[in-house]
Amino acid sequence: ESAAFAIARLNPHVNVIRFEERFSPDSARRHLSGFDLLI
């Protein structure tokens, strides 16, 4: 939430998707297909 607010102040053209969970094999299966790059 804190990071999303900071990003909105910096650049309102960026869409932020928040996942309030630890990255895990399960979350990767649910979410990673919607992204082009992982950091």
All heavy atoms as atom14 arrays in JSON, in Angstrom:
{
  "sequence": "ESAAFAIARLNPHVNVIRFEERFSPDSARRHLSGFDLLI",
  "atom14_mask": [
    [1, 1, 1, 1, 1, 1, 1, 1, 1, 0, 0, 0, 0, 0],
    [1, 1, 1, 1, 1, 1, 0, 0, 0, 0, 0, 0, 0, 0],
    [1, 1, 1, 1, 1, 0, 0, 0, 0, 0, 0, 0, 0, 0],
    [1, 1, 1, 1, 1, 0, 0, 0, 0, 0, 0, 0, 0, 0],
    [1, 1, 1, 1, 1, 1, 1, 1, 1, 1, 1, 0, 0, 0],
    [1, 1, 1, 1, 1, 0, 0, 0, 0, 0, 0, 0, 0, 0],
    [1, 1, 1, 1, 1, 1, 1, 1, 0, 0, 0, 0, 0, 0],
    [1, 1, 1, 1, 1, 0, 0, 0, 0, 0, 0, 0, 0, 0],
    [1, 1, 1, 1, 1, 1, 1, 1, 1, 1, 1, 0, 0, 0],
    [1, 1, 1, 1, 1, 1, 1, 1, 0, 0, 0, 0, 0, 0],
    [1, 1, 1, 1, 1, 1, 1, 1, 0, 0, 0, 0, 0, 0],
    [1, 1, 1, 1, 1, 1, 1, 0, 0, 0, 0, 0, 0, 0],
    [1, 1, 1, 1, 1, 1, 1, 1, 1, 1, 0, 0, 0, 0],
    [1, 1, 1, 1, 1, 1, 1, 0, 0, 0, 0, 0, 0, 0],
    [1, 1, 1, 1, 1, 1, 1, 1, 0, 0, 0, 0, 0, 0],
    [1, 1, 1, 1, 1, 1, 1, 0, 0, 0, 0, 0, 0, 0],
    [1, 1, 1, 1, 1, 1, 1, 1, 0, 0, 0, 0, 0, 0],
    [1, 1, 1, 1, 1, 1, 1, 1, 1, 1, 1, 0, 0, 0],
    [1, 1, 1, 1, 1, 1, 1, 1, 1, 1, 1, 0, 0, 0],
    [1, 1, 1, 1, 1, 1, 1, 1, 1, 0, 0, 0, 0, 0],
    [1, 1, 1, 1, 1, 1, 1, 1, 1, 0, 0, 0, 0, 0],
    [1, 1, 1, 1, 1, 1, 1, 1, 1, 1, 1, 0, 0, 0],
    [1, 1, 1, 1, 1, 1, 1, 1, 1, 1, 1, 0, 0, 0],
    [1, 1, 1, 1, 1, 1, 0, 0, 0, 0, 0, 0, 0, 0],
    [1, 1, 1, 1, 1, 1, 1, 0, 0, 0, 0, 0, 0, 0],
    [1, 1, 1, 1, 1, 1, 1, 1, 0, 0, 0, 0, 0, 0],
    [1, 1, 1, 1, 1, 1, 0, 0, 0, 0, 0, 0, 0, 0],
    [1, 1, 1, 1, 1, 0, 0, 0, 0, 0, 0, 0, 0, 0],
    [1, 1, 1, 1, 1, 1, 1, 1, 1, 1, 1, 0, 0, 0],
    [1, 1, 1, 1, 1, 1, 1, 1, 1, 1, 1, 0, 0, 0],
    [1, 1, 1, 1, 1, 1, 1, 1, 1, 1, 0, 0, 0, 0],
    [1, 1, 1, 1, 1, 1, 1, 1, 0, 0, 0, 0, 0, 0],
    [1, 1, 1, 1, 1, 1, 0, 0, 0, 0, 0, 0, 0, 0],
    [1, 1, 1, 1, 0, 0, 0, 0, 0, 0, 0, 0, 0, 0],
    [1, 1, 1, 1, 1, 1, 1, 1, 1, 1, 1, 0, 0, 0],
    [1, 1, 1, 1, 1, 1, 1, 1, 0, 0, 0, 0, 0, 0],
    [1, 1, 1, 1, 1, 1, 1, 1, 0, 0, 0, 0, 0, 0],
    [1, 1, 1, 1, 1, 1, 1, 1, 0, 0, 0, 0, 0, 0],
    [1, 1, 1, 1, 1, 1, 1, 1, 0, 0, 0, 0, 0, 0]
  ],
  "atom14_positions": [
    [[0.83, -1.2, 0.0], [0.0, 0.0, 0.0], [0.86, 1.25, 0.0], [0.63, 2.2, -0.76], [-0.91, 0.0, 1.23], [-1.85, 1.18, 1.32], [-2.73, 1.14, 2.55], [-2.41, 0.39, 3.5], [-3.74, 1.87, 2.57], [0.0, 0.0, 0.0], [0.0, 0.0, 0.0], [0.0, 0.0, 0.0], [0.0, 0.0, 0.0], [0.0, 0.0, 0.0]],
    [[1.88, 1.28, 0.87], [2.78, 2.42, 0.94], [3.49, 2.65, -0.39], [3.58, 3.79, -0.88], [3.81, 2.19, 2.05], [4.82, 3.18, 2.04], [0.0, 0.0, 0.0], [0.0, 0.0, 0.0], [0.0, 0.0, 0.0], [0.0, 0.0, 0.0], [0.0, 0.0, 0.0], [0.0, 0.0, 0.0], [0.0, 0.0, 0.0], [0.0, 0.0, 0.0]],
    [[3.98, 1.56, -1.0], [4.68, 1.68, -2.28], [3.75, 2.14, -3.38], [4.12, 2.95, -4.23], [5.32, 0.34, -2.64], [0.0, 0.0, 0.0], [0.0, 0.0, 0.0], [0.0, 0.0, 0.0], [0.0, 0.0, 0.0], [0.0, 0.0, 0.0], [0.0, 0.0, 0.0], [0.0, 0.0, 0.0], [0.0, 0.0, 0.0], [0.0, 0.0, 0.0]],
    [[2.52, 1.64, -3.38], [1.56, 2.03, -4.41], [1.25, 3.51, -4.34], [1.14, 4.19, -5.38], [0.27, 1.22, -4.26], [0.0, 0.0, 0.0], [0.0, 0.0, 0.0], [0.0, 0.0, 0.0], [0.0, 0.0, 0.0], [0.0, 0.0, 0.0], [0.0, 0.0, 0.0], [0.0, 0.0, 0.0], [0.0, 0.0, 0.0], [0.0, 0.0, 0.0]],
    [[1.11, 4.07, -3.13], [0.86, 5.5, -2.98], [2.05, 6.31, -3.48], [1.88, 7.34, -4.14], [0.56, 5.85, -1.52], [-0.84, 5.49, -1.1], [-1.08, 4.85, 0.12], [-1.93, 5.8, -1.9], [-2.37, 4.52, 0.52], [-3.22, 5.48, -1.51], [-3.44, 4.84, -0.3], [0.0, 0.0, 0.0], [0.0, 0.0, 0.0], [0.0, 0.0, 0.0]],
    [[3.26, 5.85, -3.16], [4.46, 6.56, -3.61], [4.56, 6.55, -5.13], [4.93, 7.56, -5.75], [5.7, 5.93, -2.98], [0.0, 0.0, 0.0], [0.0, 0.0, 0.0], [0.0, 0.0, 0.0], [0.0, 0.0, 0.0], [0.0, 0.0, 0.0], [0.0, 0.0, 0.0], [0.0, 0.0, 0.0], [0.0, 0.0, 0.0], [0.0, 0.0, 0.0]],
    [[4.24, 5.41, -5.74], [4.28, 5.32, -7.2], [3.24, 6.23, -7.84], [3.5, 6.89, -8.84], [4.08, 3.86, -7.64], [5.31, 3.03, -7.27], [3.8, 3.76, -9.14], [5.12, 1.53, -7.46], [0.0, 0.0, 0.0], [0.0, 0.0, 0.0], [0.0, 0.0, 0.0], [0.0, 0.0, 0.0], [0.0, 0.0, 0.0], [0.0, 0.0, 0.0]],
    [[2.05, 6.3, -7.24], [1.0, 7.16, -7.77], [1.42, 8.62, -7.74], [1.09, 9.4, -8.66], [-0.29, 6.95, -6.98], [0.0, 0.0, 0.0], [0.0, 0.0, 0.0], [0.0, 0.0, 0.0], [0.0, 0.0, 0.0], [0.0, 0.0, 0.0], [0.0, 0.0, 0.0], [0.0, 0.0, 0.0], [0.0, 0.0, 0.0], [0.0, 0.0, 0.0]],
    [[2.13, 9.02, -6.69], [2.61, 10.4, -6.62], [3.7, 10.66, -7.65], [3.8, 11.76, -8.21], [3.15, 10.7, -5.22], [2.07, 10.77, -4.14], [2.63, 11.36, -2.85], [3.67, 10.52, -2.27], [3.43, 9.55, -1.39], [2.18, 9.29, -1.02], [4.42, 8.85, -0.89], [0.0, 0.0, 0.0], [0.0, 0.0, 0.0], [0.0, 0.0, 0.0]],
    [[4.52, 9.64, -7.91], [5.62, 9.79, -8.86], [5.14, 9.78, -10.3], [5.59, 10.6, -11.12], [6.64, 8.66, -8.63], [7.83, 8.59, -9.58], [8.69, 9.85, -9.45], [8.67, 7.35, -9.26], [0.0, 0.0, 0.0], [0.0, 0.0, 0.0], [0.0, 0.0, 0.0], [0.0, 0.0, 0.0], [0.0, 0.0, 0.0], [0.0, 0.0, 0.0]],
    [[4.24, 8.85, -10.63], [3.81, 8.71, -12.02], [2.39, 8.16, -12.07], [2.17, 6.95, -11.91], [4.75, 7.79, -12.8], [4.49, 7.8, -14.29], [3.45, 8.3, -14.75], [5.41, 7.25, -15.05], [0.0, 0.0, 0.0], [0.0, 0.0, 0.0], [0.0, 0.0, 0.0], [0.0, 0.0, 0.0], [0.0, 0.0, 0.0], [0.0, 0.0, 0.0]],
    [[1.4, 9.0, -12.32], [0.0, 8.54, -12.33], [-0.34, 7.65, -13.52], [-1.44, 7.09, -13.57], [-0.8, 9.86, -12.38], [0.12, 10.83, -13.02], [1.5, 10.45, -12.55], [0.0, 0.0, 0.0], [0.0, 0.0, 0.0], [0.0, 0.0, 0.0], [0.0, 0.0, 0.0], [0.0, 0.0, 0.0], [0.0, 0.0, 0.0], [0.0, 0.0, 0.0]],
    [[0.58, 7.51, -14.47], [0.32, 6.67, -15.64], [0.6, 5.19, -15.38], [0.35, 4.35, -16.24], [1.19, 7.14, -16.82], [0.91, 8.54, -17.26], [-0.2, 8.88, -18.0], [1.58, 9.7, -17.03], [-0.19, 10.18, -18.24], [0.87, 10.69, -17.64], [0.0, 0.0, 0.0], [0.0, 0.0, 0.0], [0.0, 0.0, 0.0], [0.0, 0.0, 0.0]],
    [[1.14, 4.88, -14.2], [1.5, 3.5, -13.87], [0.34, 2.82, -13.14], [-0.2, 3.36, -12.17], [2.77, 3.46, -12.99], [3.1, 2.02, -12.59], [3.95, 4.08, -13.74], [0.0, 0.0, 0.0], [0.0, 0.0, 0.0], [0.0, 0.0, 0.0], [0.0, 0.0, 0.0], [0.0, 0.0, 0.0], [0.0, 0.0, 0.0], [0.0, 0.0, 0.0]],
    [[-0.01, 1.65, -13.6], [-1.02, 0.83, -12.94], [-0.33, -0.13, -11.98], [0.55, -0.9, -12.4], [-1.82, 0.04, -13.98], [-2.82, -0.91, -13.34], [-3.47, -0.57, -12.36], [-2.93, -2.11, -13.9], [0.0, 0.0, 0.0], [0.0, 0.0, 0.0], [0.0, 0.0, 0.0], [0.0, 0.0, 0.0], [0.0, 0.0, 0.0], [0.0, 0.0, 0.0]],
    [[-0.68, -0.09, -10.7], [-0.07, -0.94, -9.68], [-1.05, -2.03, -9.28], [-2.22, -1.76, -8.98], [0.36, -0.13, -8.45], [0.89, -1.06, -7.35], [1.42, 0.9, -8.84], [0.0, 0.0, 0.0], [0.0, 0.0, 0.0], [0.0, 0.0, 0.0], [0.0, 0.0, 0.0], [0.0, 0.0, 0.0], [0.0, 0.0, 0.0], [0.0, 0.0, 0.0]],
    [[-0.56, -3.27, -9.27], [-1.35, -4.42, -8.8], [-0.69, -4.93, -7.53], [0.49, -5.29, -7.54], [-1.41, -5.53, -9.85], [-1.99, -4.99, -11.17], [-2.27, -6.69, -9.35], [-1.95, -6.0, -12.3], [0.0, 0.0, 0.0], [0.0, 0.0, 0.0], [0.0, 0.0, 0.0], [0.0, 0.0, 0.0], [0.0, 0.0, 0.0], [0.0, 0.0, 0.0]],
    [[-1.43, -4.94, -6.43], [-0.88, -5.33, -5.14], [-1.22, -6.78, -4.81], [-2.35, -7.21, -4.95], [-1.41, -4.41, -4.05], [-0.96, -2.97, -4.17], [-1.84, -2.02, -3.38], [-2.16, -2.52, -2.03], [-3.04, -1.97, -1.24], [-3.73, -0.9, -1.63], [-3.29, -2.48, -0.05], [0.0, 0.0, 0.0], [0.0, 0.0, 0.0], [0.0, 0.0, 0.0]],
    [[-0.2, -7.52, -4.37], [-0.39, -8.89, -3.88], [0.13, -8.93, -2.45], [1.34, -8.98, -2.23], [0.37, -9.89, -4.76], [-0.05, -9.87, -6.21], [0.8, -9.33, -7.17], [-1.27, -10.38, -6.62], [0.44, -9.31, -8.51], [-1.65, -10.35, -7.96], [-0.79, -9.82, -8.9], [0.0, 0.0, 0.0], [0.0, 0.0, 0.0], [0.0, 0.0, 0.0]],
    [[-0.78, -8.88, -1.49], [-0.38, -8.87, -0.09], [-0.16, -10.3, 0.39], [-0.91, -10.84, 1.2], [-1.44, -8.16, 0.77], [-1.25, -6.67, 0.83], [-2.31, -5.92, 0.03], [-3.42, -6.43, -0.09], [-2.0, -4.83, -0.49], [0.0, 0.0, 0.0], [0.0, 0.0, 0.0], [0.0, 0.0, 0.0], [0.0, 0.0, 0.0], [0.0, 0.0, 0.0]],
    [[0.87, -10.91, -0.16], [1.21, -12.3, 0.16], [2.66, -12.55, -0.18], [3.25, -11.84, -1.01], [0.32, -13.27, -0.62], [0.4, -13.09, -2.13], [-0.6, -13.96, -2.88], [-0.73, -15.14, -2.52], [-1.24, -13.45, -3.82], [0.0, 0.0, 0.0], [0.0, 0.0, 0.0], [0.0, 0.0, 0.0], [0.0, 0.0, 0.0], [0.0, 0.0, 0.0]],
    [[3.24, -13.54, 0.47], [4.61, -13.93, 0.13], [4.6, -14.65, -1.21], [3.68, -15.41, -1.51], [5.19, -14.85, 1.21], [5.32, -14.19, 2.57], [5.95, -15.13, 3.58], [7.37, -15.33, 3.3], [8.34, -14.54, 3.74], [8.05, -13.47, 4.47], [9.6, -14.79, 3.46], [0.0, 0.0, 0.0], [0.0, 0.0, 0.0], [0.0, 0.0, 0.0]],
    [[5.62, -14.43, -1.99], [5.73, -15.11, -3.28], [6.0, -16.58, -3.02], [6.91, -16.95, -2.29], [6.86, -14.5, -4.11], [6.91, -15.01, -5.52], [6.09, -14.47, -6.49], [7.77, -16.04, -5.87], [6.12, -14.93, -7.79], [7.81, -16.51, -7.16], [6.98, -15.96, -8.13], [0.0, 0.0, 0.0], [0.0, 0.0, 0.0], [0.0, 0.0, 0.0]],
    [[5.19, -17.44, -3.62], [5.27, -18.89, -3.39], [4.95, -19.61, -4.69], [4.46, -18.98, -5.65], [4.26, -19.29, -2.31], [2.94, -19.07, -2.78], [0.0, 0.0, 0.0], [0.0, 0.0, 0.0], [0.0, 0.0, 0.0], [0.0, 0.0, 0.0], [0.0, 0.0, 0.0], [0.0, 0.0, 0.0], [0.0, 0.0, 0.0], [0.0, 0.0, 0.0]],
    [[5.19, -20.91, -4.76], [4.79, -21.64, -5.97], [3.31, -21.48, -6.29], [2.93, -21.36, -7.46], [5.14, -23.1, -5.62], [6.26, -22.99, -4.65], [5.95, -21.78, -3.83], [0.0, 0.0, 0.0], [0.0, 0.0, 0.0], [0.0, 0.0, 0.0], [0.0, 0.0, 0.0], [0.0, 0.0, 0.0], [0.0, 0.0, 0.0], [0.0, 0.0, 0.0]],
    [[2.47, -21.43, -5.26], [1.03, -21.26, -5.49], [0.71, -19.88, -6.05], [-0.05, -19.75, -7.02], [0.27, -21.49, -4.18], [-1.23, -21.29, -4.35], [-1.83, -22.02, -5.15], [-1.78, -20.38, -3.7], [0.0, 0.0, 0.0], [0.0, 0.0, 0.0], [0.0, 0.0, 0.0], [0.0, 0.0, 0.0], [0.0, 0.0, 0.0], [0.0, 0.0, 0.0]],
    [[1.28, -18.83, -5.46], [1.0, -17.48, -5.96], [1.58, -17.3, -7.36], [1.0, -16.58, -8.19], [1.57, -16.43, -5.01], [2.98, -16.48, -4.95], [0.0, 0.0, 0.0], [0.0, 0.0, 0.0], [0.0, 0.0, 0.0], [0.0, 0.0, 0.0], [0.0, 0.0, 0.0], [0.0, 0.0, 0.0], [0.0, 0.0, 0.0], [0.0, 0.0, 0.0]],
    [[2.71, -17.95, -7.64], [3.29, -17.87, -8.99], [2.34, -18.47, -10.01], [2.14, -17.91, -11.1], [4.64, -18.59, -9.02], [0.0, 0.0, 0.0], [0.0, 0.0, 0.0], [0.0, 0.0, 0.0], [0.0, 0.0, 0.0], [0.0, 0.0, 0.0], [0.0, 0.0, 0.0], [0.0, 0.0, 0.0], [0.0, 0.0, 0.0], [0.0, 0.0, 0.0]],
    [[1.74, -19.61, -9.68], [0.79, -20.24, -10.6], [-0.43, -19.36, -10.84], [-0.98, -19.32, -11.94], [0.36, -21.61, -10.05], [1.4, -22.71, -10.21], [0.82, -24.07, -9.86], [0.47, -24.17, -8.45], [1.29, -24.6, -7.5], [2.53, -24.96, -7.82], [0.91, -24.67, -6.25], [0.0, 0.0, 0.0], [0.0, 0.0, 0.0], [0.0, 0.0, 0.0]],
    [[-0.85, -18.63, -9.81], [-2.05, -17.81, -9.92], [-1.81, -16.48, -10.62], [-2.71, -15.96, -11.27], [-2.63, -17.55, -8.51], [-3.31, -18.78, -7.91], [-3.98, -18.45, -6.59], [-3.03, -18.36, -5.49], [-2.74, -17.24, -4.83], [-3.32, -16.11, -5.18], [-1.88, -17.25, -3.84], [0.0, 0.0, 0.0], [0.0, 0.0, 0.0], [0.0, 0.0, 0.0]],
    [[-0.59, -15.93, -10.5], [-0.39, -14.55, -10.95], [0.63, -14.36, -12.07], [0.52, -13.39, -12.82], [0.04, -13.69, -9.76], [-0.87, -13.75, -8.59], [-2.24, -13.56, -8.69], [-0.62, -13.99, -7.26], [-2.78, -13.67, -7.49], [-1.83, -13.93, -6.61], [0.0, 0.0, 0.0], [0.0, 0.0, 0.0], [0.0, 0.0, 0.0], [0.0, 0.0, 0.0]],
    [[1.62, -15.24, -12.16], [2.78, -14.93, -13.01], [2.44, -14.9, -14.49], [3.11, -14.2, -15.27], [3.91, -15.92, -12.74], [5.31, -15.48, -13.17], [5.66, -14.12, -12.61], [6.34, -16.52, -12.73], [0.0, 0.0, 0.0], [0.0, 0.0, 0.0], [0.0, 0.0, 0.0], [0.0, 0.0, 0.0], [0.0, 0.0, 0.0], [0.0, 0.0, 0.0]],
    [[1.41, -15.62, -14.91], [1.07, -15.64, -16.34], [0.65, -14.27, -16.85], [0.66, -14.02, -18.06], [-0.06, -16.65, -16.59], [-1.24, -16.28, -15.89], [0.0, 0.0, 0.0], [0.0, 0.0, 0.0], [0.0, 0.0, 0.0], [0.0, 0.0, 0.0], [0.0, 0.0, 0.0], [0.0, 0.0, 0.0], [0.0, 0.0, 0.0], [0.0, 0.0, 0.0]],
    [[0.3, -13.36, -15.96], [-0.12, -12.03, -16.38], [1.02, -11.03, -16.5], [0.76, -9.84, -16.71], [0.0, 0.0, 0.0], [0.0, 0.0, 0.0], [0.0, 0.0, 0.0], [0.0, 0.0, 0.0], [0.0, 0.0, 0.0], [0.0, 0.0, 0.0], [0.0, 0.0, 0.0], [0.0, 0.0, 0.0], [0.0, 0.0, 0.0], [0.0, 0.0, 0.0]],
    [[2.27, -11.49, -16.38], [3.4, -10.59, -16.41], [4.43, -11.01, -17.45], [4.53, -12.19, -17.8], [4.05, -10.5, -15.03], [3.16, -9.83, -14.0], [2.3, -10.59, -13.23], [3.17, -8.46, -13.86], [1.46, -9.98, -12.3], [2.33, -7.84, -12.93], [1.48, -8.59, -12.16], [0.0, 0.0, 0.0], [0.0, 0.0, 0.0], [0.0, 0.0, 0.0]],
    [[5.21, -10.03, -17.93], [6.23, -10.25, -18.95], [7.61, -10.47, -18.35], [8.51, -10.98, -19.02], [6.33, -9.04, -19.89], [4.98, -8.6, -20.42], [4.3, -9.44, -21.02], [4.62, -7.42, -20.23], [0.0, 0.0, 0.0], [0.0, 0.0, 0.0], [0.0, 0.0, 0.0], [0.0, 0.0, 0.0], [0.0, 0.0, 0.0], [0.0, 0.0, 0.0]],
    [[7.8, -10.04, -17.11], [9.13, -10.03, -16.5], [8.98, -10.13, -14.99], [8.06, -9.55, -14.41], [9.85, -8.72, -16.87], [11.18, -8.39, -16.2], [12.25, -9.4, -16.61], [11.63, -6.97, -16.56], [0.0, 0.0, 0.0], [0.0, 0.0, 0.0], [0.0, 0.0, 0.0], [0.0, 0.0, 0.0], [0.0, 0.0, 0.0], [0.0, 0.0, 0.0]],
    [[9.89, -10.88, -14.35], [9.89, -11.03, -12.9], [11.18, -10.46, -12.35], [12.26, -10.71, -12.88], [9.76, -12.51, -12.52], [9.73, -12.85, -11.03], [8.52, -12.23, -10.36], [9.73, -14.36, -10.82], [0.0, 0.0, 0.0], [0.0, 0.0, 0.0], [0.0, 0.0, 0.0], [0.0, 0.0, 0.0], [0.0, 0.0, 0.0], [0.0, 0.0, 0.0]],
    [[11.06, -9.68, -11.27], [12.23, -9.12, -10.59], [12.19, -9.58, -9.14], [11.21, -9.35, -8.44], [12.25, -7.58, -10.66], [12.25, -7.13, -12.13], [13.47, -7.04, -9.92], [12.28, -5.61, -12.28], [0.0, 0.0, 0.0], [0.0, 0.0, 0.0], [0.0, 0.0, 0.0], [0.0, 0.0, 0.0], [0.0, 0.0, 0.0], [0.0, 0.0, 0.0]]
  ]
}
